[in-house]
N, C-alpha and C. Protein backbone atom coordinates (compact mmCIF):
# COMPACT_ATOMS: atom_id res chain seq x y z
N MET A 1 0.84 -1.18 0.00
CA MET A 1 0.00 0.00 0.00
C MET A 1 0.89 1.24 0.00
N LYS A 2 0.54 2.22 -0.82
CA LYS A 2 1.33 3.44 -0.92
C LYS A 2 0.92 4.45 0.14
N SER A 3 1.88 5.23 0.59
CA SER A 3 1.59 6.31 1.52
C SER A 3 1.12 7.53 0.73
N THR A 4 0.53 8.49 1.42
CA THR A 4 0.09 9.71 0.73
C THR A 4 1.30 10.45 0.16
N THR A 5 2.44 10.37 0.82
CA THR A 5 3.66 11.01 0.32
C THR A 5 4.09 10.38 -1.00
N GLU A 6 3.99 9.06 -1.10
CA GLU A 6 4.36 8.37 -2.34
C GLU A 6 3.40 8.72 -3.46
N VAL A 7 2.11 8.84 -3.13
CA VAL A 7 1.12 9.21 -4.14
C VAL A 7 1.40 10.63 -4.63
N THR A 8 1.69 11.54 -3.71
CA THR A 8 2.01 12.92 -4.09
C THR A 8 3.24 12.95 -4.97
N ARG A 9 4.25 12.17 -4.63
CA ARG A 9 5.47 12.09 -5.42
C ARG A 9 5.15 11.60 -6.84
N GLU A 10 4.26 10.61 -6.93
CA GLU A 10 3.88 10.08 -8.24
C GLU A 10 3.13 11.12 -9.07
N VAL A 11 2.22 11.86 -8.43
CA VAL A 11 1.48 12.92 -9.13
C VAL A 11 2.47 13.99 -9.61
N ARG A 12 3.41 14.35 -8.74
CA ARG A 12 4.42 15.35 -9.10
C ARG A 12 5.24 14.88 -10.31
N ARG A 13 5.57 13.59 -10.35
CA ARG A 13 6.33 13.02 -11.47
C ARG A 13 5.52 13.09 -12.77
N VAL A 14 4.24 12.75 -12.69
CA VAL A 14 3.37 12.80 -13.88
C VAL A 14 3.29 14.23 -14.41
N VAL A 15 3.11 15.19 -13.50
CA VAL A 15 3.05 16.60 -13.90
C VAL A 15 4.36 17.01 -14.57
N GLN A 16 5.48 16.68 -13.94
CA GLN A 16 6.79 17.05 -14.49
C GLN A 16 7.03 16.42 -15.86
N ASP A 17 6.65 15.15 -16.00
CA ASP A 17 6.80 14.47 -17.30
C ASP A 17 5.99 15.17 -18.38
N LYS A 18 4.78 15.60 -18.04
CA LYS A 18 3.93 16.28 -19.02
C LYS A 18 4.52 17.64 -19.39
N ILE A 19 5.00 18.39 -18.39
CA ILE A 19 5.61 19.69 -18.66
C ILE A 19 6.85 19.50 -19.55
N ASP A 20 7.67 18.53 -19.21
CA ASP A 20 8.87 18.26 -20.01
C ASP A 20 8.52 17.88 -21.45
N ALA A 21 7.35 17.25 -21.64
CA ALA A 21 6.91 16.85 -22.98
C ALA A 21 6.16 17.98 -23.70
N GLY A 22 6.02 19.13 -23.02
CA GLY A 22 5.34 20.27 -23.65
C GLY A 22 3.83 20.13 -23.68
N VAL A 23 3.27 19.47 -22.67
CA VAL A 23 1.82 19.24 -22.62
C VAL A 23 1.19 20.16 -21.59
N ALA A 24 0.11 20.86 -21.97
CA ALA A 24 -0.66 21.66 -21.02
C ALA A 24 -1.54 20.72 -20.20
N ILE A 25 -1.74 21.06 -18.95
CA ILE A 25 -2.45 20.16 -18.03
C ILE A 25 -3.66 20.85 -17.42
N ARG A 26 -4.82 20.24 -17.57
CA ARG A 26 -6.02 20.69 -16.86
C ARG A 26 -6.23 19.79 -15.66
N VAL A 27 -6.54 20.39 -14.53
CA VAL A 27 -6.69 19.64 -13.29
C VAL A 27 -7.66 18.47 -13.44
N GLU A 28 -8.83 18.74 -13.98
CA GLU A 28 -9.85 17.69 -14.12
C GLU A 28 -9.36 16.55 -15.00
N TRP A 29 -8.71 16.90 -16.10
CA TRP A 29 -8.26 15.87 -17.02
C TRP A 29 -7.16 15.01 -16.40
N LEU A 30 -6.22 15.66 -15.70
CA LEU A 30 -5.13 14.91 -15.09
C LEU A 30 -5.66 14.01 -13.99
N THR A 31 -6.61 14.50 -13.22
CA THR A 31 -7.23 13.67 -12.17
C THR A 31 -7.84 12.42 -12.79
N THR A 32 -8.59 12.60 -13.86
CA THR A 32 -9.23 11.48 -14.55
C THR A 32 -8.17 10.51 -15.10
N GLU A 33 -7.10 11.06 -15.68
CA GLU A 33 -6.05 10.23 -16.25
C GLU A 33 -5.36 9.38 -15.18
N ILE A 34 -5.05 9.99 -14.05
CA ILE A 34 -4.38 9.25 -12.97
C ILE A 34 -5.30 8.18 -12.41
N LEU A 35 -6.57 8.50 -12.22
CA LEU A 35 -7.52 7.49 -11.72
C LEU A 35 -7.66 6.33 -12.71
N ALA A 36 -7.60 6.63 -14.00
CA ALA A 36 -7.69 5.57 -15.01
C ALA A 36 -6.46 4.66 -14.97
N MET A 37 -5.32 5.22 -14.57
CA MET A 37 -4.10 4.43 -14.47
C MET A 37 -4.15 3.48 -13.26
N LYS A 38 -5.01 3.79 -12.31
CA LYS A 38 -5.10 3.02 -11.06
C LYS A 38 -6.53 2.50 -10.88
N ASP A 39 -7.01 1.77 -11.85
CA ASP A 39 -8.42 1.37 -11.85
C ASP A 39 -8.67 -0.08 -11.41
N LYS A 40 -7.73 -0.69 -10.76
CA LYS A 40 -7.88 -2.09 -10.35
C LYS A 40 -8.47 -2.19 -8.94
N ILE A 41 -9.63 -1.57 -8.75
CA ILE A 41 -10.30 -1.60 -7.44
C ILE A 41 -11.53 -2.49 -7.59
N GLU A 42 -11.59 -3.52 -6.78
CA GLU A 42 -12.68 -4.49 -6.91
C GLU A 42 -13.32 -4.76 -5.55
N GLY A 43 -14.49 -5.36 -5.59
CA GLY A 43 -15.18 -5.74 -4.36
C GLY A 43 -16.40 -4.87 -4.11
N GLU A 44 -17.15 -5.26 -3.10
CA GLU A 44 -18.41 -4.55 -2.84
C GLU A 44 -18.19 -3.13 -2.31
N ASP A 45 -17.00 -2.82 -1.80
CA ASP A 45 -16.70 -1.48 -1.30
C ASP A 45 -15.95 -0.63 -2.34
N ALA A 46 -15.87 -1.11 -3.56
CA ALA A 46 -15.10 -0.42 -4.59
C ALA A 46 -15.57 1.02 -4.80
N ASP A 47 -16.87 1.25 -4.84
CA ASP A 47 -17.40 2.60 -5.05
C ASP A 47 -16.91 3.57 -3.97
N PHE A 48 -16.89 3.08 -2.74
CA PHE A 48 -16.43 3.90 -1.62
C PHE A 48 -14.97 4.30 -1.83
N TYR A 49 -14.11 3.33 -2.15
CA TYR A 49 -12.70 3.61 -2.31
C TYR A 49 -12.40 4.44 -3.56
N ILE A 50 -13.18 4.26 -4.59
CA ILE A 50 -13.03 5.08 -5.80
C ILE A 50 -13.37 6.53 -5.49
N ALA A 51 -14.45 6.75 -4.75
CA ALA A 51 -14.84 8.12 -4.38
C ALA A 51 -13.77 8.77 -3.51
N CYS A 52 -13.27 8.04 -2.53
CA CYS A 52 -12.21 8.58 -1.65
C CYS A 52 -10.94 8.86 -2.44
N GLY A 53 -10.58 7.92 -3.30
CA GLY A 53 -9.38 8.09 -4.11
C GLY A 53 -9.51 9.27 -5.06
N ALA A 54 -10.67 9.42 -5.68
CA ALA A 54 -10.88 10.52 -6.62
C ALA A 54 -10.73 11.86 -5.90
N ASP A 55 -11.30 11.95 -4.72
CA ASP A 55 -11.21 13.19 -3.95
C ASP A 55 -9.75 13.49 -3.58
N PHE A 56 -9.03 12.48 -3.10
CA PHE A 56 -7.64 12.68 -2.71
C PHE A 56 -6.77 13.05 -3.90
N ILE A 57 -6.95 12.36 -5.02
CA ILE A 57 -6.14 12.63 -6.21
C ILE A 57 -6.42 14.04 -6.73
N LYS A 58 -7.68 14.44 -6.76
CA LYS A 58 -8.01 15.79 -7.24
C LYS A 58 -7.34 16.84 -6.36
N LYS A 59 -7.41 16.67 -5.04
CA LYS A 59 -6.77 17.62 -4.13
C LYS A 59 -5.26 17.62 -4.31
N THR A 60 -4.69 16.46 -4.52
CA THR A 60 -3.24 16.36 -4.70
C THR A 60 -2.82 17.01 -6.01
N VAL A 61 -3.56 16.77 -7.08
CA VAL A 61 -3.25 17.39 -8.37
C VAL A 61 -3.33 18.90 -8.24
N LYS A 62 -4.38 19.41 -7.58
CA LYS A 62 -4.52 20.86 -7.40
C LYS A 62 -3.34 21.42 -6.60
N ARG A 63 -2.93 20.71 -5.56
CA ARG A 63 -1.82 21.17 -4.72
C ARG A 63 -0.51 21.19 -5.52
N VAL A 64 -0.25 20.14 -6.28
CA VAL A 64 0.98 20.06 -7.07
C VAL A 64 0.98 21.14 -8.15
N ILE A 65 -0.12 21.31 -8.84
CA ILE A 65 -0.21 22.36 -9.86
C ILE A 65 -0.13 23.73 -9.20
N GLY A 66 -0.66 23.83 -7.98
CA GLY A 66 -0.60 25.08 -7.23
C GLY A 66 0.82 25.53 -6.94
N GLU A 67 1.77 24.61 -6.98
CA GLU A 67 3.18 24.98 -6.77
C GLU A 67 3.66 25.91 -7.88
N TYR A 68 2.95 25.94 -9.00
CA TYR A 68 3.31 26.79 -10.12
C TYR A 68 2.60 28.15 -10.07
N GLU A 69 1.74 28.36 -9.08
CA GLU A 69 1.03 29.64 -8.91
C GLU A 69 2.03 30.69 -8.44
N PRO A 70 1.71 31.97 -8.65
CA PRO A 70 2.64 33.01 -8.21
C PRO A 70 2.86 32.97 -6.70
N GLN A 71 4.11 33.03 -6.29
CA GLN A 71 4.47 33.08 -4.89
C GLN A 71 5.85 33.70 -4.76
N ALA A 72 6.14 34.20 -3.59
CA ALA A 72 7.40 34.92 -3.38
C ALA A 72 8.61 34.01 -3.59
N GLN A 73 8.52 32.77 -3.18
CA GLN A 73 9.64 31.82 -3.31
C GLN A 73 9.25 30.73 -4.29
N THR A 74 10.09 30.46 -5.26
CA THR A 74 9.82 29.44 -6.27
C THR A 74 10.55 28.16 -5.90
N PHE A 75 9.89 27.02 -6.07
CA PHE A 75 10.52 25.73 -5.83
C PHE A 75 11.60 25.49 -6.87
N ALA A 76 12.78 25.11 -6.43
CA ALA A 76 13.93 24.94 -7.34
C ALA A 76 13.63 23.96 -8.47
N GLN A 77 12.86 22.90 -8.18
CA GLN A 77 12.63 21.87 -9.20
C GLN A 77 11.73 22.33 -10.34
N ILE A 78 11.07 23.50 -10.21
CA ILE A 78 10.21 23.96 -11.29
C ILE A 78 10.81 25.12 -12.08
N VAL A 79 12.04 25.53 -11.73
CA VAL A 79 12.70 26.64 -12.42
C VAL A 79 13.41 26.10 -13.67
N MET A 80 13.27 26.86 -14.76
CA MET A 80 13.92 26.47 -16.02
C MET A 80 15.43 26.55 -15.87
N GLU A 81 16.10 25.60 -16.48
CA GLU A 81 17.56 25.58 -16.45
C GLU A 81 18.09 26.86 -17.10
N GLY A 82 19.07 27.47 -16.47
CA GLY A 82 19.65 28.69 -16.99
C GLY A 82 19.01 29.96 -16.45
N PHE A 83 17.98 29.81 -15.62
CA PHE A 83 17.29 30.95 -15.04
C PHE A 83 17.26 30.81 -13.52
N ASP A 84 17.04 31.92 -12.86
CA ASP A 84 16.93 31.91 -11.40
C ASP A 84 15.48 31.83 -10.94
N TYR A 85 14.55 32.36 -11.75
CA TYR A 85 13.16 32.43 -11.34
C TYR A 85 12.17 31.90 -12.39
N LEU A 86 12.50 32.01 -13.66
CA LEU A 86 11.57 31.63 -14.72
C LEU A 86 11.20 30.16 -14.57
N GLN A 87 9.90 29.91 -14.43
CA GLN A 87 9.43 28.55 -14.20
C GLN A 87 9.28 27.79 -15.51
N LYS A 88 9.31 26.47 -15.40
CA LYS A 88 9.10 25.60 -16.56
C LYS A 88 7.68 25.70 -17.08
N ALA A 89 6.75 26.06 -16.19
CA ALA A 89 5.33 26.16 -16.56
C ALA A 89 4.65 27.14 -15.61
N TYR A 90 3.53 27.69 -16.08
CA TYR A 90 2.72 28.59 -15.26
C TYR A 90 1.25 28.20 -15.41
N THR A 91 0.49 28.48 -14.37
CA THR A 91 -0.95 28.27 -14.46
C THR A 91 -1.57 29.50 -15.11
N VAL A 92 -2.53 29.24 -15.98
CA VAL A 92 -3.30 30.30 -16.62
C VAL A 92 -4.75 29.84 -16.69
N SER A 93 -5.63 30.79 -16.88
CA SER A 93 -7.04 30.44 -17.06
C SER A 93 -7.31 30.39 -18.56
N ARG A 94 -7.72 29.22 -19.01
CA ARG A 94 -8.10 29.03 -20.41
C ARG A 94 -9.47 28.39 -20.43
N ASP A 95 -10.39 29.01 -21.12
CA ASP A 95 -11.78 28.52 -21.18
C ASP A 95 -12.34 28.33 -19.77
N ASN A 96 -12.04 29.30 -18.90
CA ASN A 96 -12.51 29.28 -17.51
C ASN A 96 -12.02 28.09 -16.71
N GLU A 97 -10.92 27.48 -17.13
CA GLU A 97 -10.32 26.37 -16.40
C GLU A 97 -8.87 26.69 -16.11
N THR A 98 -8.42 26.37 -14.90
CA THR A 98 -7.01 26.53 -14.57
C THR A 98 -6.23 25.46 -15.31
N THR A 99 -5.26 25.91 -16.07
CA THR A 99 -4.45 25.01 -16.88
C THR A 99 -2.98 25.30 -16.63
N LEU A 100 -2.20 24.27 -16.38
CA LEU A 100 -0.76 24.41 -16.22
C LEU A 100 -0.15 24.25 -17.61
N VAL A 101 0.54 25.29 -18.07
CA VAL A 101 1.04 25.33 -19.44
C VAL A 101 2.56 25.52 -19.44
N PRO A 102 3.29 24.69 -20.19
CA PRO A 102 4.73 24.92 -20.30
C PRO A 102 5.01 26.34 -20.79
N VAL A 103 6.03 26.98 -20.22
CA VAL A 103 6.31 28.38 -20.52
C VAL A 103 6.52 28.60 -22.01
N THR A 104 7.07 27.63 -22.71
CA THR A 104 7.30 27.77 -24.15
C THR A 104 6.00 27.79 -24.96
N MET A 105 4.91 27.35 -24.36
CA MET A 105 3.61 27.32 -25.05
C MET A 105 2.70 28.48 -24.66
N LEU A 106 3.16 29.34 -23.74
CA LEU A 106 2.36 30.49 -23.33
C LEU A 106 2.54 31.63 -24.32
N SER A 107 1.47 32.38 -24.54
CA SER A 107 1.56 33.54 -25.42
C SER A 107 2.30 34.67 -24.68
N ASP A 108 2.77 35.64 -25.44
CA ASP A 108 3.41 36.80 -24.82
C ASP A 108 2.43 37.50 -23.88
N ALA A 109 1.17 37.58 -24.28
CA ALA A 109 0.16 38.23 -23.44
C ALA A 109 -0.03 37.49 -22.12
N GLU A 110 -0.06 36.16 -22.16
CA GLU A 110 -0.20 35.38 -20.92
C GLU A 110 1.02 35.58 -20.01
N LEU A 111 2.19 35.61 -20.61
CA LEU A 111 3.41 35.83 -19.82
C LEU A 111 3.44 37.25 -19.25
N GLU A 112 2.98 38.21 -20.01
CA GLU A 112 2.93 39.60 -19.51
C GLU A 112 1.99 39.73 -18.31
N VAL A 113 0.86 39.05 -18.37
CA VAL A 113 -0.07 39.06 -17.23
C VAL A 113 0.62 38.49 -16.00
N ARG A 114 1.36 37.41 -16.17
CA ARG A 114 2.07 36.81 -15.03
C ARG A 114 3.13 37.77 -14.50
N ALA A 115 3.87 38.43 -15.40
CA ALA A 115 4.89 39.39 -14.97
C ALA A 115 4.26 40.51 -14.15
N GLN A 116 3.10 40.99 -14.59
CA GLN A 116 2.39 42.04 -13.86
C GLN A 116 1.94 41.55 -12.48
N GLU A 117 1.52 40.28 -12.39
CA GLU A 117 1.13 39.73 -11.10
C GLU A 117 2.31 39.73 -10.13
N TYR A 118 3.51 39.37 -10.61
CA TYR A 118 4.69 39.37 -9.77
C TYR A 118 5.07 40.79 -9.35
N GLU A 119 4.92 41.75 -10.26
CA GLU A 119 5.21 43.14 -9.89
C GLU A 119 4.25 43.64 -8.82
N ALA A 120 2.97 43.31 -8.95
CA ALA A 120 1.99 43.70 -7.93
C ALA A 120 2.30 43.01 -6.60
N MET A 121 2.70 41.75 -6.66
CA MET A 121 3.06 41.01 -5.45
C MET A 121 4.25 41.68 -4.77
N ALA A 122 5.23 42.11 -5.55
CA ALA A 122 6.42 42.76 -5.00
C ALA A 122 6.03 44.05 -4.29
N LYS A 123 5.16 44.85 -4.90
CA LYS A 123 4.71 46.09 -4.28
C LYS A 123 4.00 45.81 -2.96
N GLY A 124 3.17 44.78 -2.96
CA GLY A 124 2.46 44.40 -1.74
C GLY A 124 3.42 43.94 -0.64
N CYS A 125 4.45 43.21 -1.01
CA CYS A 125 5.44 42.74 -0.04
C CYS A 125 6.20 43.92 0.57
N ILE A 126 6.55 44.91 -0.26
CA ILE A 126 7.25 46.10 0.25
C ILE A 126 6.34 46.85 1.22
N LYS A 127 5.07 47.03 0.86
CA LYS A 127 4.12 47.70 1.75
C LYS A 127 3.98 46.93 3.06
N HIS A 128 3.94 45.64 2.97
CA HIS A 128 3.83 44.79 4.17
C HIS A 128 5.05 45.01 5.07
N SER A 129 6.24 45.02 4.47
CA SER A 129 7.45 45.22 5.27
C SER A 129 7.46 46.59 5.94
N LEU A 130 6.96 47.61 5.24
CA LEU A 130 6.88 48.95 5.83
C LEU A 130 5.92 48.98 7.01
N GLU A 131 4.80 48.28 6.90
CA GLU A 131 3.85 48.21 8.02
C GLU A 131 4.45 47.50 9.23
N ILE A 132 5.19 46.44 8.97
CA ILE A 132 5.85 45.73 10.08
C ILE A 132 6.80 46.69 10.80
N ARG A 133 7.59 47.42 10.05
CA ARG A 133 8.54 48.35 10.66
C ARG A 133 7.83 49.48 11.39
N ALA A 134 6.73 49.98 10.83
CA ALA A 134 5.94 51.01 11.52
C ALA A 134 5.38 50.47 12.83
N PHE A 135 4.93 49.23 12.81
CA PHE A 135 4.42 48.61 14.04
C PHE A 135 5.52 48.51 15.09
N ILE A 136 6.73 48.13 14.66
CA ILE A 136 7.87 48.04 15.58
C ILE A 136 8.14 49.40 16.20
N MET A 137 8.13 50.44 15.37
CA MET A 137 8.38 51.80 15.86
C MET A 137 7.32 52.24 16.86
N CYS A 138 6.05 52.01 16.52
CA CYS A 138 4.95 52.38 17.42
C CYS A 138 5.05 51.64 18.73
N ARG A 139 5.35 50.38 18.67
CA ARG A 139 5.46 49.56 19.87
C ARG A 139 6.63 50.02 20.73
N SER A 140 7.72 50.36 20.08
CA SER A 140 8.91 50.83 20.81
C SER A 140 8.62 52.17 21.49
N GLU A 141 7.92 53.05 20.79
CA GLU A 141 7.60 54.38 21.34
C GLU A 141 6.60 54.27 22.50
N ALA A 142 5.70 53.29 22.44
CA ALA A 142 4.69 53.11 23.49
C ALA A 142 5.28 52.50 24.76
N ALA A 143 6.41 51.85 24.62
CA ALA A 143 7.00 51.14 25.78
C ALA A 143 7.74 52.06 26.72
């Protein structure tokens, strides 16, 4: 029996293999594909275990794909070789679905939107740091 860590590792491998192959990934489709790869569930309780497995796999796929969402720190394993920050893939909304797309398959417009998101995030982080320092000053003055 596999642990949840092993299942997550396997989902991460499938995602990485698809990105390396230049394939865009939709959460729903990947969930269905992984469940189809593991369809040897039999017995009178099969429906129960299929439902539980489907829920866990969907959450795991979302979490793994979520690693490609904008964040202050990027996971080293998703950064393109030769770059410090540029990721191998980014999530975008296509046809109202979150899709993980290899960076080489993203349009300039999609990449520009992502760049703007990072710039807005940076401004927010600077404002946050200023508020922390103002709080420190106020607290020090009150003491």
